Amino acid sequence: LPHIKEVRGQGLLVGVEFEDGINSVDIKHACFDRKLLITAIGTNIIRMIPPLIVTEKDCDIAFAIIREAIRDVYGK
């Protein structure tokens, strides 16, 4: 994805760090508008904590929503 600096996690706890200048709260709100709940941590990190019953299809949908949110908010 564009504007991603680093992805890190342990188990199902995943943090995505964006490049400087990308506001995680903007991404959080854009995802919320698309019915995906994520948490903004600090100014440029989002955190995802899916349930233990998450499926691969659910992960694919979440990825698509995050990609769409980034493109809508920041272009490209």
PDB file of N, CA and C in Angstrom:
ATOM      1  N   LEU A   1       0.832  -1.190   0.000  1.00  0.00           N
ATOM      2  CA  LEU A   1       0.000   0.000   0.000  1.00  0.00           C
ATOM      3  C   LEU A   1       0.876   1.252   0.000  1.00  0.00           C
ATOM      4  N   PRO A   2       0.403   2.322  -0.618  1.00  0.00           N
ATOM      5  CA  PRO A   2       1.162   3.564  -0.579  1.00  0.00           C
ATOM      6  C   PRO A   2       1.136   4.182   0.815  1.00  0.00           C
ATOM      7  N   HIS A   3       2.148   4.930   1.111  1.00  0.00           N
ATOM      8  CA  HIS A   3       2.260   5.707   2.356  1.00  0.00           C
ATOM      9  C   HIS A   3       2.499   4.852   3.597  1.00  0.00           C
ATOM     10  N   ILE A   4       2.771   3.567   3.462  1.00  0.00           N
ATOM     11  CA  ILE A   4       3.030   2.693   4.609  1.00  0.00           C
ATOM     12  C   ILE A   4       4.526   2.678   4.891  1.00  0.00           C
ATOM     13  N   LYS A   5       4.872   2.939   6.133  1.00  0.00           N
ATOM     14  CA  LYS A   5       6.274   2.914   6.535  1.00  0.00           C
ATOM     15  C   LYS A   5       6.656   1.542   7.091  1.00  0.00           C
ATOM     16  N   GLU A   6       5.781   0.985   7.951  1.00  0.00           N
ATOM     17  CA  GLU A   6       6.091  -0.304   8.575  1.00  0.00           C
ATOM     18  C   GLU A   6       4.811  -0.971   9.067  1.00  0.00           C
ATOM     19  N   VAL A   7       4.786  -2.284   8.993  1.00  0.00           N
ATOM     20  CA  VAL A   7       3.702  -3.082   9.563  1.00  0.00           C
ATOM     21  C   VAL A   7       4.334  -4.029  10.567  1.00  0.00           C
ATOM     22  N   ARG A   8       3.792  -4.035  11.768  1.00  0.00           N
ATOM     23  CA  ARG A   8       4.348  -4.911  12.796  1.00  0.00           C
ATOM     24  C   ARG A   8       3.205  -5.473  13.634  1.00  0.00           C
ATOM     25  N   GLY A   9       3.469  -6.579  14.272  1.00  0.00           N
ATOM     26  CA  GLY A   9       2.426  -7.168  15.083  1.00  0.00           C
ATOM     27  C   GLY A   9       2.895  -8.400  15.822  1.00  0.00           C
ATOM     28  N   GLN A  10       1.998  -8.878  16.641  1.00  0.00           N
ATOM     29  CA  GLN A  10       2.239 -10.110  17.378  1.00  0.00           C
ATOM     30  C   GLN A  10       0.888 -10.812  17.477  1.00  0.00           C
ATOM     31  N   GLY A  11       0.833 -12.022  16.954  1.00  0.00           N
ATOM     32  CA  GLY A  11      -0.443 -12.711  16.906  1.00  0.00           C
ATOM     33  C   GLY A  11      -1.393 -11.948  15.996  1.00  0.00           C
ATOM     34  N   LEU A  12      -2.607 -11.700  16.466  1.00  0.00           N
ATOM     35  CA  LEU A  12      -3.582 -10.955  15.675  1.00  0.00           C
ATOM     36  C   LEU A  12      -3.537  -9.446  15.935  1.00  0.00           C
ATOM     37  N   LEU A  13      -2.700  -9.003  16.840  1.00  0.00           N
ATOM     38  CA  LEU A  13      -2.543  -7.573  17.104  1.00  0.00           C
ATOM     39  C   LEU A  13      -1.602  -7.000  16.047  1.00  0.00           C
ATOM     40  N   VAL A  14      -2.111  -6.092  15.210  1.00  0.00           N
ATOM     41  CA  VAL A  14      -1.333  -5.559  14.094  1.00  0.00           C
ATOM     42  C   VAL A  14      -1.312  -4.040  14.167  1.00  0.00           C
ATOM     43  N   GLY A  15      -0.119  -3.460  14.023  1.00  0.00           N
ATOM     44  CA  GLY A  15       0.041  -2.013  13.939  1.00  0.00           C
ATOM     45  C   GLY A  15       0.597  -1.632  12.582  1.00  0.00           C
ATOM     46  N   VAL A  16       0.037  -0.587  11.998  1.00  0.00           N
ATOM     47  CA  VAL A  16       0.487  -0.095  10.701  1.00  0.00           C
ATOM     48  C   VAL A  16       0.951   1.341  10.888  1.00  0.00           C
ATOM     49  N   GLU A  17       2.225   1.575  10.591  1.00  0.00           N
ATOM     50  CA  GLU A  17       2.787   2.916  10.726  1.00  0.00           C
ATOM     51  C   GLU A  17       2.846   3.565   9.353  1.00  0.00           C
ATOM     52  N   PHE A  18       2.327   4.780   9.263  1.00  0.00           N
ATOM     53  CA  PHE A  18       2.310   5.521   8.013  1.00  0.00           C
ATOM     54  C   PHE A  18       3.483   6.486   7.952  1.00  0.00           C
ATOM     55  N   GLU A  19       3.790   6.924   6.732  1.00  0.00           N
ATOM     56  CA  GLU A  19       4.836   7.925   6.536  1.00  0.00           C
ATOM     57  C   GLU A  19       4.447   9.212   7.257  1.00  0.00           C
ATOM     58  N   ASP A  20       5.447  10.055   7.528  1.00  0.00           N
ATOM     59  CA  ASP A  20       5.174  11.352   8.132  1.00  0.00           C
ATOM     60  C   ASP A  20       4.240  12.147   7.223  1.00  0.00           C
ATOM     61  N   GLY A  21       3.330  12.873   7.823  1.00  0.00           N
ATOM     62  CA  GLY A  21       2.381  13.649   7.051  1.00  0.00           C
ATOM     63  C   GLY A  21       1.056  12.947   6.827  1.00  0.00           C
ATOM     64  N   ILE A  22       0.986  11.653   7.147  1.00  0.00           N
ATOM     65  CA  ILE A  22      -0.258  10.893   7.015  1.00  0.00           C
ATOM     66  C   ILE A  22      -0.883  10.798   8.410  1.00  0.00           C
ATOM     67  N   ASN A  23      -2.065  11.335   8.555  1.00  0.00           N
ATOM     68  CA  ASN A  23      -2.732  11.380   9.849  1.00  0.00           C
ATOM     69  C   ASN A  23      -3.555  10.109  10.053  1.00  0.00           C
ATOM     70  N   SER A  24      -3.237   9.356  11.083  1.00  0.00           N
ATOM     71  CA  SER A  24      -3.928   8.087  11.340  1.00  0.00           C
ATOM     72  C   SER A  24      -5.396   8.298  11.704  1.00  0.00           C
ATOM     73  N   VAL A  25      -5.719   9.442  12.278  1.00  0.00           N
ATOM     74  CA  VAL A  25      -7.114   9.710  12.636  1.00  0.00           C
ATOM     75  C   VAL A  25      -7.967   9.861  11.371  1.00  0.00           C
ATOM     76  N   ASP A  26      -7.403  10.485  10.338  1.00  0.00           N
ATOM     77  CA  ASP A  26      -8.124  10.602   9.062  1.00  0.00           C
ATOM     78  C   ASP A  26      -8.405   9.225   8.471  1.00  0.00           C
ATOM     79  N   ILE A  27      -7.411   8.345   8.544  1.00  0.00           N
ATOM     80  CA  ILE A  27      -7.588   6.985   8.037  1.00  0.00           C
ATOM     81  C   ILE A  27      -8.627   6.243   8.875  1.00  0.00           C
ATOM     82  N   LYS A  28      -8.558   6.419  10.176  1.00  0.00           N
ATOM     83  CA  LYS A  28      -9.525   5.783  11.083  1.00  0.00           C
ATOM     84  C   LYS A  28     -10.948   6.198  10.730  1.00  0.00           C
ATOM     85  N   HIS A  29     -11.190   7.481  10.533  1.00  0.00           N
ATOM     86  CA  HIS A  29     -12.535   7.963  10.220  1.00  0.00           C
ATOM     87  C   HIS A  29     -13.008   7.472   8.852  1.00  0.00           C
ATOM     88  N   ALA A  30     -12.101   7.436   7.886  1.00  0.00           N
ATOM     89  CA  ALA A  30     -12.458   6.940   6.555  1.00  0.00           C
ATOM     90  C   ALA A  30     -12.824   5.457   6.616  1.00  0.00           C
ATOM     91  N   CYS A  31     -12.113   4.693   7.437  1.00  0.00           N
ATOM     92  CA  CYS A  31     -12.440   3.268   7.606  1.00  0.00           C
ATOM     93  C   CYS A  31     -13.768   3.108   8.343  1.00  0.00           C
ATOM     94  N   PHE A  32     -13.988   3.926   9.349  1.00  0.00           N
ATOM     95  CA  PHE A  32     -15.247   3.862  10.104  1.00  0.00           C
ATOM     96  C   PHE A  32     -16.437   4.143   9.191  1.00  0.00           C
ATOM     97  N   ASP A  33     -16.290   5.105   8.290  1.00  0.00           N
ATOM     98  CA  ASP A  33     -17.354   5.418   7.333  1.00  0.00           C
ATOM     99  C   ASP A  33     -17.675   4.219   6.437  1.00  0.00           C
ATOM    100  N   ARG A  34     -16.700   3.312   6.290  1.00  0.00           N
ATOM    101  CA  ARG A  34     -16.869   2.114   5.468  1.00  0.00           C
ATOM    102  C   ARG A  34     -17.158   0.881   6.322  1.00  0.00           C
ATOM    103  N   LYS A  35     -17.503   1.103   7.583  1.00  0.00           N
ATOM    104  CA  LYS A  35     -17.912   0.038   8.521  1.00  0.00           C
ATOM    105  C   LYS A  35     -16.766  -0.855   8.993  1.00  0.00           C
ATOM    106  N   LEU A  36     -15.538  -0.297   9.059  1.00  0.00           N
ATOM    107  CA  LEU A  36     -14.397  -1.026   9.613  1.00  0.00           C
ATOM    108  C   LEU A  36     -13.897  -0.268  10.837  1.00  0.00           C
ATOM    109  N   LEU A  37     -13.855  -0.952  11.977  1.00  0.00           N
ATOM    110  CA  LEU A  37     -13.383  -0.330  13.209  1.00  0.00           C
ATOM    111  C   LEU A  37     -11.896  -0.601  13.402  1.00  0.00           C
ATOM    112  N   ILE A  38     -11.128   0.461  13.487  1.00  0.00           N
ATOM    113  CA  ILE A  38      -9.707   0.393  13.807  1.00  0.00           C
ATOM    114  C   ILE A  38      -9.423   1.484  14.827  1.00  0.00           C
ATOM    115  N   THR A  39      -8.257   1.462  15.414  1.00  0.00           N
ATOM    116  CA  THR A  39      -7.875   2.451  16.413  1.00  0.00           C
ATOM    117  C   THR A  39      -6.693   3.251  15.910  1.00  0.00           C
ATOM    118  N   ALA A  40      -6.751   4.554  16.111  1.00  0.00           N
ATOM    119  CA  ALA A  40      -5.614   5.419  15.789  1.00  0.00           C
ATOM    120  C   ALA A  40      -4.754   5.544  17.039  1.00  0.00           C
ATOM    121  N   ILE A  41      -3.468   5.255  16.886  1.00  0.00           N
ATOM    122  CA  ILE A  41      -2.520   5.335  17.991  1.00  0.00           C
ATOM    123  C   ILE A  41      -1.508   6.422  17.638  1.00  0.00           C
ATOM    124  N   GLY A  42      -1.491   7.485  18.392  1.00  0.00           N
ATOM    125  CA  GLY A  42      -0.573   8.566  18.069  1.00  0.00           C
ATOM    126  C   GLY A  42      -1.005   9.269  16.795  1.00  0.00           C
ATOM    127  N   THR A  43      -0.047   9.859  16.104  1.00  0.00           N
ATOM    128  CA  THR A  43      -0.370  10.651  14.926  1.00  0.00           C
ATOM    129  C   THR A  43      -0.312   9.875  13.627  1.00  0.00           C
ATOM    130  N   ASN A  44       0.449   8.768  13.585  1.00  0.00           N
ATOM    131  CA  ASN A  44       0.612   8.091  12.298  1.00  0.00           C
ATOM    132  C   ASN A  44       0.594   6.565  12.382  1.00  0.00           C
ATOM    133  N   ILE A  45      -0.093   6.007  13.386  1.00  0.00           N
ATOM    134  CA  ILE A  45      -0.184   4.551  13.525  1.00  0.00           C
ATOM    135  C   ILE A  45      -1.638   4.155  13.738  1.00  0.00           C
ATOM    136  N   ILE A  46      -2.063   3.112  13.021  1.00  0.00           N
ATOM    137  CA  ILE A  46      -3.363   2.512  13.297  1.00  0.00           C
ATOM    138  C   ILE A  46      -3.127   1.122  13.877  1.00  0.00           C
ATOM    139  N   ARG A  47      -4.079   0.678  14.691  1.00  0.00           N
ATOM    140  CA  ARG A  47      -3.977  -0.638  15.311  1.00  0.00           C
ATOM    141  C   ARG A  47      -5.241  -1.416  14.989  1.00  0.00           C
ATOM    142  N   MET A  48      -5.062  -2.685  14.661  1.00  0.00           N
ATOM    143  CA  MET A  48      -6.184  -3.567  14.370  1.00  0.00           C
ATOM    144  C   MET A  48      -6.121  -4.769  15.305  1.00  0.00           C
ATOM    145  N   ILE A  49      -7.254  -5.086  15.903  1.00  0.00           N
ATOM    146  CA  ILE A  49      -7.346  -6.227  16.799  1.00  0.00           C
ATOM    147  C   ILE A  49      -8.580  -7.034  16.396  1.00  0.00           C
ATOM    148  N   PRO A  50      -8.434  -7.918  15.403  1.00  0.00           N
ATOM    149  CA  PRO A  50      -9.593  -8.691  14.957  1.00  0.00           C
ATOM    150  C   PRO A  50      -9.949  -9.785  15.957  1.00  0.00           C
ATOM    151  N   PRO A  51     -11.186 -10.276  15.891  1.00  0.00           N
ATOM    152  CA  PRO A  51     -11.573 -11.378  16.784  1.00  0.00           C
ATOM    153  C   PRO A  51     -10.848 -12.661  16.390  1.00  0.00           C
ATOM    154  N   LEU A  52     -10.791 -13.587  17.302  1.00  0.00           N
ATOM    155  CA  LEU A  52     -10.101 -14.854  17.046  1.00  0.00           C
ATOM    156  C   LEU A  52     -10.781 -15.680  15.960  1.00  0.00           C
ATOM    157  N   ILE A  53     -12.020 -15.380  15.640  1.00  0.00           N
ATOM    158  CA  ILE A  53     -12.749 -16.140  14.617  1.00  0.00           C
ATOM    159  C   ILE A  53     -12.669 -15.474  13.247  1.00  0.00           C
ATOM    160  N   VAL A  54     -11.768 -14.537  13.071  1.00  0.00           N
ATOM    161  CA  VAL A  54     -11.638 -13.828  11.792  1.00  0.00           C
ATOM    162  C   VAL A  54     -11.257 -14.821  10.686  1.00  0.00           C
ATOM    163  N   THR A  55     -11.825 -14.608   9.503  1.00  0.00           N
ATOM    164  CA  THR A  55     -11.528 -15.476   8.366  1.00  0.00           C
ATOM    165  C   THR A  55     -10.595 -14.758   7.391  1.00  0.00           C
ATOM    166  N   GLU A  56     -10.054 -15.514   6.472  1.00  0.00           N
ATOM    167  CA  GLU A  56      -9.198 -14.918   5.450  1.00  0.00           C
ATOM    168  C   GLU A  56     -10.001 -13.916   4.606  1.00  0.00           C
ATOM    169  N   LYS A  57     -11.250 -14.252   4.335  1.00  0.00           N
ATOM    170  CA  LYS A  57     -12.122 -13.343   3.576  1.00  0.00           C
ATOM    171  C   LYS A  57     -12.315 -12.028   4.328  1.00  0.00           C
ATOM    172  N   ASP A  58     -12.501 -12.099   5.657  1.00  0.00           N
ATOM    173  CA  ASP A  58     -12.640 -10.888   6.467  1.00  0.00           C
ATOM    174  C   ASP A  58     -11.386 -10.021   6.369  1.00  0.00           C
ATOM    175  N   CYS A  59     -10.233 -10.666   6.402  1.00  0.00           N
ATOM    176  CA  CYS A  59      -8.959  -9.933   6.298  1.00  0.00           C
ATOM    177  C   CYS A  59      -8.816  -9.273   4.928  1.00  0.00           C
ATOM    178  N   ASP A  60      -9.229  -9.971   3.887  1.00  0.00           N
ATOM    179  CA  ASP A  60      -9.179  -9.398   2.542  1.00  0.00           C
ATOM    180  C   ASP A  60     -10.089  -8.180   2.429  1.00  0.00           C
ATOM    181  N   ILE A  61     -11.266  -8.259   3.027  1.00  0.00           N
ATOM    182  CA  ILE A  61     -12.202  -7.133   3.008  1.00  0.00           C
ATOM    183  C   ILE A  61     -11.626  -5.951   3.781  1.00  0.00           C
ATOM    184  N   ALA A  62     -11.037  -6.213   4.948  1.00  0.00           N
ATOM    185  CA  ALA A  62     -10.433  -5.144   5.748  1.00  0.00           C
ATOM    186  C   ALA A  62      -9.294  -4.476   4.982  1.00  0.00           C
ATOM    187  N   PHE A  63      -8.464  -5.269   4.326  1.00  0.00           N
ATOM    188  CA  PHE A  63      -7.367  -4.728   3.527  1.00  0.00           C
ATOM    189  C   PHE A  63      -7.895  -3.817   2.424  1.00  0.00           C
ATOM    190  N   ALA A  64      -8.945  -4.256   1.742  1.00  0.00           N
ATOM    191  CA  ALA A  64      -9.536  -3.461   0.659  1.00  0.00           C
ATOM    192  C   ALA A  64     -10.105  -2.147   1.187  1.00  0.00           C
ATOM    193  N   ILE A  65     -10.722  -2.190   2.347  1.00  0.00           N
ATOM    194  CA  ILE A  65     -11.278  -0.975   2.942  1.00  0.00           C
ATOM    195  C   ILE A  65     -10.168  -0.006   3.319  1.00  0.00           C
ATOM    196  N   ILE A  66      -9.100  -0.509   3.918  1.00  0.00           N
ATOM    197  CA  ILE A  66      -7.982   0.362   4.306  1.00  0.00           C
ATOM    198  C   ILE A  66      -7.339   0.969   3.067  1.00  0.00           C
ATOM    199  N   ARG A  67      -7.143   0.168   2.026  1.00  0.00           N
ATOM    200  CA  ARG A  67      -6.559   0.673   0.780  1.00  0.00           C
ATOM    201  C   ARG A  67      -7.438   1.778   0.184  1.00  0.00           C
ATOM    202  N   GLU A  68      -8.735   1.548   0.156  1.00  0.00           N
ATOM    203  CA  GLU A  68      -9.670   2.543  -0.378  1.00  0.00           C
ATOM    204  C   GLU A  68      -9.662   3.814   0.462  1.00  0.00           C
ATOM    205  N   ALA A  69      -9.600   3.665   1.776  1.00  0.00           N
ATOM    206  CA  ALA A  69      -9.574   4.826   2.664  1.00  0.00           C
ATOM    207  C   ALA A  69      -8.320   5.668   2.439  1.00  0.00           C
ATOM    208  N   ILE A  70      -7.176   5.017   2.307  1.00  0.00           N
ATOM    209  CA  ILE A  70      -5.928   5.748   2.064  1.00  0.00           C
ATOM    210  C   ILE A  70      -6.007   6.487   0.737  1.00  0.00           C
ATOM    211  N   ARG A  71      -6.498   5.825  -0.291  1.00  0.00           N
ATOM    212  CA  ARG A  71      -6.595   6.466  -1.621  1.00  0.00           C
ATOM    213  C   ARG A  71      -7.556   7.648  -1.594  1.00  0.00           C
ATOM    214  N   ASP A  72      -8.690   7.492  -0.898  1.00  0.00           N
ATOM    215  CA  ASP A  72      -9.650   8.587  -0.855  1.00  0.00           C
ATOM    216  C   ASP A  72      -9.151   9.785  -0.071  1.00  0.00           C
ATOM    217  N   VAL A  73      -8.444   9.528   1.019  1.00  0.00           N
ATOM    218  CA  VAL A  73      -7.979  10.614   1.874  1.00  0.00           C
ATOM    219  C   VAL A  73      -6.722  11.283   1.315  1.00  0.00           C
ATOM    220  N   TYR A  74      -5.786  10.488   0.772  1.00  0.00           N
ATOM    221  CA  TYR A  74      -4.487  11.033   0.379  1.00  0.00           C
ATOM    222  C   TYR A  74      -4.166  10.858  -1.098  1.00  0.00           C
ATOM    223  N   GLY A  75      -5.047  10.247  -1.844  1.00  0.00           N
ATOM    224  CA  GLY A  75      -4.782  10.049  -3.265  1.00  0.00           C
ATOM    225  C   GLY A  75      -3.750   8.962  -3.494  1.00  0.00           C
ATOM    226  N   LYS A  76      -3.726   8.445  -4.716  1.00  0.00           N
ATOM    227  CA  LYS A  76      -2.801   7.386  -5.162  1.00  0.00           C
ATOM    228  C   LYS A  76      -3.059   6.105  -4.463  1.00  0.00           C
TER     229      LYS A  76
END
